[in-house]
Amino acid sequence: MEAKSVWQGFKKEGRKFISPVFVGLLLLSTLLWYLTKLSYTYQTRIPFTVEIDDNRFRVECVVEGTGYRLVSHRYFKKNQVSLDFRDIQTTPSVINNGSFVINPYSLQNAISLRTADLRIISVGDLPEITPQ
């Protein structure tokens, strides 16, 4: 038996038990439920690409915002932040001479200023940076 004939037989027999109008309304109600849930506030992790002068690295941030904004930042916007050394606080590295360690709170505040539609709760592990 061919797959096409099996599918057509299933469609013909299925209409006896399930109405196409019911299936359409079920899909519409599922879509409306999902859109309603996007108006709630959620927390998630979103990676940001941070560029400080010529140093570029990725940092994963825990953010809070409405579902619409979180979906748009995760899938449609470039989460890229350009900073200057004056925007953050650094301390000299104990391990590598000439490198600096970024203060996580100052980076969190700097990213927050550039993404006003999300609340940055915390930032992940940060690399040491070497000024160029």
N, C-alpha and C. Protein backbone atom coordinates (compact mmCIF):
# COMPACT_ATOMS: atom_id res chain seq x y z
N MET A 1 0.83 -1.18 0.00
CA MET A 1 0.00 0.00 0.00
C MET A 1 0.88 1.25 0.00
N GLU A 2 0.50 2.22 -0.76
CA GLU A 2 1.26 3.45 -0.83
C GLU A 2 0.94 4.36 0.34
N ALA A 3 1.89 5.20 0.70
CA ALA A 3 1.70 6.13 1.81
C ALA A 3 0.61 7.14 1.49
N LYS A 4 0.51 7.52 0.21
CA LYS A 4 -0.48 8.52 -0.19
C LYS A 4 -1.90 7.99 0.02
N SER A 5 -2.13 6.74 -0.33
CA SER A 5 -3.46 6.17 -0.16
C SER A 5 -3.79 5.95 1.31
N VAL A 6 -2.78 5.64 2.11
CA VAL A 6 -3.01 5.48 3.55
C VAL A 6 -3.40 6.81 4.16
N TRP A 7 -2.71 7.87 3.76
CA TRP A 7 -3.01 9.21 4.30
C TRP A 7 -4.42 9.65 3.89
N GLN A 8 -4.79 9.42 2.65
CA GLN A 8 -6.13 9.82 2.20
C GLN A 8 -7.20 9.00 2.89
N GLY A 9 -6.93 7.73 3.13
CA GLY A 9 -7.88 6.91 3.87
C GLY A 9 -8.03 7.38 5.31
N PHE A 10 -6.92 7.79 5.91
CA PHE A 10 -6.97 8.30 7.28
C PHE A 10 -7.77 9.60 7.34
N LYS A 11 -7.55 10.50 6.35
CA LYS A 11 -8.30 11.76 6.32
C LYS A 11 -9.80 11.50 6.17
N LYS A 12 -10.15 10.56 5.30
CA LYS A 12 -11.56 10.25 5.05
C LYS A 12 -12.22 9.66 6.30
N GLU A 13 -11.54 8.73 6.93
CA GLU A 13 -12.09 8.10 8.13
C GLU A 13 -12.06 9.04 9.34
N GLY A 14 -11.01 9.90 9.40
CA GLY A 14 -10.88 10.82 10.53
C GLY A 14 -11.97 11.87 10.56
N ARG A 15 -12.46 12.27 9.42
CA ARG A 15 -13.53 13.29 9.38
C ARG A 15 -14.82 12.78 9.99
N LYS A 16 -14.98 11.47 10.08
CA LYS A 16 -16.18 10.93 10.72
C LYS A 16 -16.16 11.19 12.22
N PHE A 17 -14.96 11.27 12.82
CA PHE A 17 -14.84 11.38 14.26
C PHE A 17 -14.44 12.77 14.74
N ILE A 18 -13.65 13.50 13.93
CA ILE A 18 -13.15 14.81 14.34
C ILE A 18 -13.53 15.84 13.28
N SER A 19 -14.16 16.89 13.73
CA SER A 19 -14.59 17.95 12.82
C SER A 19 -13.42 18.86 12.46
N PRO A 20 -13.27 19.25 11.20
CA PRO A 20 -12.21 20.20 10.83
C PRO A 20 -12.37 21.55 11.53
N VAL A 21 -13.60 21.94 11.80
CA VAL A 21 -13.85 23.19 12.53
C VAL A 21 -13.29 23.08 13.95
N PHE A 22 -13.48 21.92 14.59
CA PHE A 22 -12.93 21.72 15.93
C PHE A 22 -11.42 21.82 15.94
N VAL A 23 -10.76 21.21 14.97
CA VAL A 23 -9.30 21.25 14.88
C VAL A 23 -8.83 22.68 14.66
N GLY A 24 -9.51 23.42 13.79
CA GLY A 24 -9.15 24.82 13.55
C GLY A 24 -9.30 25.68 14.79
N LEU A 25 -10.40 25.51 15.51
CA LEU A 25 -10.60 26.28 16.75
C LEU A 25 -9.63 25.87 17.84
N LEU A 26 -9.27 24.59 17.88
CA LEU A 26 -8.27 24.14 18.85
C LEU A 26 -6.92 24.79 18.57
N LEU A 27 -6.51 24.87 17.31
CA LEU A 27 -5.26 25.53 16.94
C LEU A 27 -5.32 27.02 17.26
N LEU A 28 -6.45 27.66 16.99
CA LEU A 28 -6.60 29.09 17.29
C LEU A 28 -6.52 29.35 18.79
N SER A 29 -7.16 28.52 19.60
CA SER A 29 -7.11 28.71 21.05
C SER A 29 -5.70 28.47 21.60
N THR A 30 -4.97 27.52 21.02
CA THR A 30 -3.59 27.27 21.44
C THR A 30 -2.71 28.47 21.12
N LEU A 31 -2.88 29.06 19.95
CA LEU A 31 -2.12 30.25 19.57
C LEU A 31 -2.45 31.42 20.49
N LEU A 32 -3.71 31.64 20.80
CA LEU A 32 -4.09 32.74 21.70
C LEU A 32 -3.56 32.52 23.11
N TRP A 33 -3.57 31.27 23.57
CA TRP A 33 -3.01 30.96 24.89
C TRP A 33 -1.52 31.29 24.93
N TYR A 34 -0.80 30.91 23.88
CA TYR A 34 0.64 31.16 23.81
C TYR A 34 0.93 32.66 23.80
N LEU A 35 0.16 33.42 23.03
CA LEU A 35 0.35 34.87 22.99
C LEU A 35 0.06 35.52 24.34
N THR A 36 -0.91 35.01 25.07
CA THR A 36 -1.21 35.52 26.41
C THR A 36 -0.07 35.23 27.37
N LYS A 37 0.53 34.07 27.28
CA LYS A 37 1.64 33.70 28.15
C LYS A 37 2.88 34.56 27.90
N LEU A 38 3.04 35.09 26.69
CA LEU A 38 4.19 35.93 26.39
C LEU A 38 4.15 37.28 27.09
N SER A 39 3.00 37.66 27.63
CA SER A 39 2.93 38.94 28.34
C SER A 39 3.41 38.83 29.79
N TYR A 40 3.66 37.63 30.28
CA TYR A 40 4.15 37.44 31.64
C TYR A 40 5.65 37.75 31.71
N THR A 41 6.15 37.90 32.93
CA THR A 41 7.57 38.18 33.15
C THR A 41 8.30 36.86 33.43
N TYR A 42 9.44 36.69 32.75
CA TYR A 42 10.23 35.47 32.88
C TYR A 42 11.70 35.82 33.08
N GLN A 43 12.47 34.83 33.53
CA GLN A 43 13.92 34.94 33.62
C GLN A 43 14.54 33.86 32.75
N THR A 44 15.63 34.22 32.06
CA THR A 44 16.33 33.25 31.22
C THR A 44 17.77 33.69 31.05
N ARG A 45 18.56 32.86 30.41
CA ARG A 45 19.96 33.18 30.10
C ARG A 45 20.05 33.57 28.62
N ILE A 46 20.69 34.71 28.36
CA ILE A 46 20.90 35.17 27.00
C ILE A 46 22.37 35.54 26.85
N PRO A 47 23.05 35.01 25.83
CA PRO A 47 24.46 35.37 25.62
C PRO A 47 24.57 36.75 24.96
N PHE A 48 25.51 37.55 25.43
CA PHE A 48 25.81 38.86 24.86
C PHE A 48 27.25 38.84 24.36
N THR A 49 27.49 39.49 23.23
CA THR A 49 28.84 39.69 22.73
C THR A 49 29.26 41.08 23.18
N VAL A 50 30.33 41.14 23.97
CA VAL A 50 30.82 42.41 24.52
C VAL A 50 32.13 42.75 23.83
N GLU A 51 32.23 43.98 23.39
CA GLU A 51 33.45 44.47 22.76
C GLU A 51 33.96 45.66 23.57
N ILE A 52 35.14 45.48 24.17
CA ILE A 52 35.78 46.55 24.93
C ILE A 52 37.05 46.91 24.19
N ASP A 53 37.04 48.09 23.60
CA ASP A 53 38.10 48.53 22.69
C ASP A 53 38.28 47.45 21.61
N ASP A 54 39.41 46.75 21.57
CA ASP A 54 39.62 45.72 20.56
C ASP A 54 39.42 44.30 21.09
N ASN A 55 39.05 44.16 22.34
CA ASN A 55 38.81 42.85 22.95
C ASN A 55 37.34 42.49 22.78
N ARG A 56 37.11 41.28 22.27
CA ARG A 56 35.73 40.82 22.06
C ARG A 56 35.57 39.47 22.74
N PHE A 57 34.47 39.34 23.51
CA PHE A 57 34.19 38.07 24.18
C PHE A 57 32.69 37.94 24.38
N ARG A 58 32.28 36.70 24.66
CA ARG A 58 30.85 36.41 24.93
C ARG A 58 30.67 36.18 26.41
N VAL A 59 29.59 36.72 26.92
CA VAL A 59 29.25 36.52 28.32
C VAL A 59 27.77 36.16 28.39
N GLU A 60 27.46 35.16 29.20
CA GLU A 60 26.08 34.73 29.35
C GLU A 60 25.48 35.48 30.53
N CYS A 61 24.36 36.15 30.28
CA CYS A 61 23.71 36.96 31.31
C CYS A 61 22.37 36.35 31.68
N VAL A 62 22.03 36.42 32.94
CA VAL A 62 20.69 36.06 33.40
C VAL A 62 19.88 37.34 33.31
N VAL A 63 18.79 37.31 32.54
CA VAL A 63 17.99 38.51 32.31
C VAL A 63 16.54 38.24 32.70
N GLU A 64 15.83 39.34 32.93
CA GLU A 64 14.41 39.26 33.27
C GLU A 64 13.66 40.22 32.37
N GLY A 65 12.52 39.79 31.86
CA GLY A 65 11.71 40.64 31.01
C GLY A 65 10.45 39.91 30.59
N THR A 66 9.62 40.60 29.84
CA THR A 66 8.40 39.97 29.35
C THR A 66 8.77 38.96 28.27
N GLY A 67 7.87 38.03 28.06
CA GLY A 67 8.12 36.98 27.07
C GLY A 67 8.38 37.52 25.68
N TYR A 68 7.64 38.57 25.29
CA TYR A 68 7.84 39.17 23.97
C TYR A 68 9.27 39.66 23.80
N ARG A 69 9.76 40.38 24.81
CA ARG A 69 11.10 40.96 24.72
C ARG A 69 12.19 39.89 24.77
N LEU A 70 11.97 38.87 25.58
CA LEU A 70 12.96 37.79 25.67
C LEU A 70 13.05 37.02 24.35
N VAL A 71 11.91 36.74 23.73
CA VAL A 71 11.92 36.05 22.45
C VAL A 71 12.58 36.90 21.38
N SER A 72 12.29 38.21 21.38
CA SER A 72 12.90 39.07 20.36
C SER A 72 14.41 39.19 20.56
N HIS A 73 14.89 39.26 21.82
CA HIS A 73 16.33 39.34 22.05
C HIS A 73 17.03 38.03 21.73
N ARG A 74 16.39 36.92 22.04
CA ARG A 74 17.04 35.63 21.80
C ARG A 74 17.11 35.28 20.32
N TYR A 75 16.07 35.58 19.56
CA TYR A 75 16.01 35.09 18.19
C TYR A 75 16.14 36.15 17.09
N PHE A 76 15.84 37.42 17.40
CA PHE A 76 15.79 38.40 16.32
C PHE A 76 16.79 39.54 16.45
N LYS A 77 17.26 39.86 17.64
CA LYS A 77 18.18 40.97 17.82
C LYS A 77 19.61 40.48 18.00
N LYS A 78 20.55 41.31 17.57
CA LYS A 78 21.95 41.02 17.85
C LYS A 78 22.24 41.55 19.25
N ASN A 79 22.62 40.68 20.12
CA ASN A 79 22.93 41.07 21.49
C ASN A 79 24.41 41.44 21.56
N GLN A 80 24.72 42.59 21.01
CA GLN A 80 26.09 43.05 20.91
C GLN A 80 26.19 44.38 21.64
N VAL A 81 27.20 44.49 22.52
CA VAL A 81 27.40 45.70 23.32
C VAL A 81 28.83 46.17 23.10
N SER A 82 28.99 47.44 22.71
CA SER A 82 30.32 48.04 22.55
C SER A 82 30.57 48.96 23.74
N LEU A 83 31.69 48.72 24.42
CA LEU A 83 32.02 49.49 25.61
C LEU A 83 33.42 50.08 25.48
N ASP A 84 33.71 51.00 26.35
CA ASP A 84 35.02 51.61 26.45
C ASP A 84 35.57 51.25 27.83
N PHE A 85 36.90 51.34 28.01
CA PHE A 85 37.47 51.05 29.32
C PHE A 85 36.92 51.98 30.40
N ARG A 86 36.48 53.17 30.00
CA ARG A 86 35.92 54.11 30.99
C ARG A 86 34.55 53.67 31.48
N ASP A 87 33.87 52.79 30.74
CA ASP A 87 32.53 52.34 31.11
C ASP A 87 32.53 51.27 32.20
N ILE A 88 33.67 50.63 32.42
CA ILE A 88 33.73 49.52 33.38
C ILE A 88 34.87 49.74 34.37
N GLN A 89 34.80 49.01 35.47
CA GLN A 89 35.87 49.04 36.46
C GLN A 89 36.72 47.79 36.27
N THR A 90 38.03 47.97 36.30
CA THR A 90 38.94 46.85 36.15
C THR A 90 39.97 46.88 37.26
N THR A 91 40.54 45.74 37.52
CA THR A 91 41.66 45.63 38.45
C THR A 91 42.77 44.86 37.76
N PRO A 92 44.02 45.14 38.06
CA PRO A 92 45.13 44.40 37.43
C PRO A 92 45.07 42.92 37.78
N SER A 93 45.42 42.09 36.82
CA SER A 93 45.40 40.65 37.01
C SER A 93 46.59 40.22 37.87
N VAL A 94 46.36 39.29 38.76
CA VAL A 94 47.42 38.74 39.60
C VAL A 94 48.21 37.70 38.81
N ILE A 95 47.56 37.03 37.88
CA ILE A 95 48.18 35.93 37.15
C ILE A 95 48.97 36.42 35.94
N ASN A 96 48.35 37.24 35.09
CA ASN A 96 48.98 37.69 33.84
C ASN A 96 49.33 39.17 33.95
N ASN A 97 50.61 39.49 33.80
CA ASN A 97 51.01 40.90 33.81
C ASN A 97 50.47 41.61 32.58
N GLY A 98 49.97 42.80 32.77
CA GLY A 98 49.43 43.59 31.66
C GLY A 98 47.98 43.31 31.35
N SER A 99 47.38 42.33 32.00
CA SER A 99 45.96 42.01 31.79
C SER A 99 45.14 42.60 32.93
N PHE A 100 43.85 42.70 32.67
CA PHE A 100 42.94 43.25 33.66
C PHE A 100 41.76 42.32 33.88
N VAL A 101 41.24 42.34 35.10
CA VAL A 101 40.05 41.58 35.45
C VAL A 101 38.89 42.57 35.53
N ILE A 102 37.79 42.23 34.88
CA ILE A 102 36.63 43.11 34.84
C ILE A 102 35.78 42.88 36.09
N ASN A 103 35.33 43.97 36.69
CA ASN A 103 34.41 43.88 37.81
C ASN A 103 33.04 43.49 37.24
N PRO A 104 32.48 42.35 37.68
CA PRO A 104 31.21 41.87 37.10
C PRO A 104 30.05 42.86 37.30
N TYR A 105 30.01 43.54 38.43
CA TYR A 105 28.92 44.48 38.68
C TYR A 105 28.99 45.68 37.76
N SER A 106 30.19 46.15 37.46
CA SER A 106 30.30 47.28 36.55
C SER A 106 29.92 46.86 35.13
N LEU A 107 30.26 45.63 34.73
CA LEU A 107 29.84 45.14 33.41
C LEU A 107 28.33 44.96 33.37
N GLN A 108 27.76 44.45 34.43
CA GLN A 108 26.31 44.28 34.51
C GLN A 108 25.61 45.63 34.35
N ASN A 109 26.11 46.66 35.03
CA ASN A 109 25.51 48.00 34.91
C ASN A 109 25.69 48.57 33.52
N ALA A 110 26.85 48.36 32.90
CA ALA A 110 27.11 48.88 31.56
C ALA A 110 26.20 48.22 30.52
N ILE A 111 25.98 46.90 30.64
CA ILE A 111 25.08 46.21 29.72
C ILE A 111 23.65 46.66 29.97
N SER A 112 23.27 46.85 31.23
CA SER A 112 21.92 47.30 31.57
C SER A 112 21.60 48.64 30.94
N LEU A 113 22.57 49.54 30.92
CA LEU A 113 22.34 50.86 30.34
C LEU A 113 22.07 50.77 28.83
N ARG A 114 22.63 49.76 28.18
CA ARG A 114 22.48 49.65 26.73
C ARG A 114 21.33 48.74 26.31
N THR A 115 20.75 48.01 27.24
CA THR A 115 19.57 47.19 26.95
C THR A 115 18.49 47.56 27.95
N ALA A 116 17.82 48.65 27.70
CA ALA A 116 16.85 49.19 28.64
C ALA A 116 15.58 48.34 28.75
N ASP A 117 15.29 47.52 27.74
CA ASP A 117 14.06 46.75 27.77
C ASP A 117 14.18 45.45 28.56
N LEU A 118 15.40 45.09 28.99
CA LEU A 118 15.61 43.91 29.81
C LEU A 118 16.29 44.30 31.12
N ARG A 119 16.04 43.54 32.15
CA ARG A 119 16.72 43.75 33.42
C ARG A 119 17.81 42.69 33.54
N ILE A 120 19.06 43.13 33.61
CA ILE A 120 20.19 42.21 33.72
C ILE A 120 20.34 41.85 35.19
N ILE A 121 20.19 40.59 35.52
CA ILE A 121 20.27 40.15 36.91
C ILE A 121 21.69 39.78 37.29
N SER A 122 22.39 39.07 36.42
CA SER A 122 23.78 38.70 36.69
C SER A 122 24.50 38.42 35.38
N VAL A 123 25.82 38.45 35.46
CA VAL A 123 26.65 38.10 34.30
C VAL A 123 27.46 36.85 34.65
N GLY A 124 27.82 36.10 33.62
CA GLY A 124 28.57 34.86 33.81
C GLY A 124 30.05 35.11 33.98
N ASP A 125 30.84 34.06 33.74
CA ASP A 125 32.29 34.14 33.87
C ASP A 125 32.87 35.12 32.85
N LEU A 126 33.85 35.90 33.32
CA LEU A 126 34.47 36.91 32.47
C LEU A 126 35.93 36.59 32.25
N PRO A 127 36.41 36.77 31.03
CA PRO A 127 37.83 36.54 30.77
C PRO A 127 38.66 37.74 31.20
N GLU A 128 39.96 37.52 31.33
CA GLU A 128 40.86 38.65 31.55
C GLU A 128 41.09 39.32 30.21
N ILE A 129 41.21 40.64 30.22
CA ILE A 129 41.40 41.35 28.96
C ILE A 129 42.74 42.08 28.98
N THR A 130 43.29 42.20 27.81
CA THR A 130 44.56 42.91 27.66
C THR A 130 44.31 44.13 26.79
N PRO A 131 44.58 45.32 27.31
CA PRO A 131 44.35 46.52 26.50
C PRO A 131 45.32 46.56 25.32
N GLN A 132 44.84 47.04 24.20
CA GLN A 132 45.64 47.11 22.97
C GLN A 132 46.36 48.44 22.87
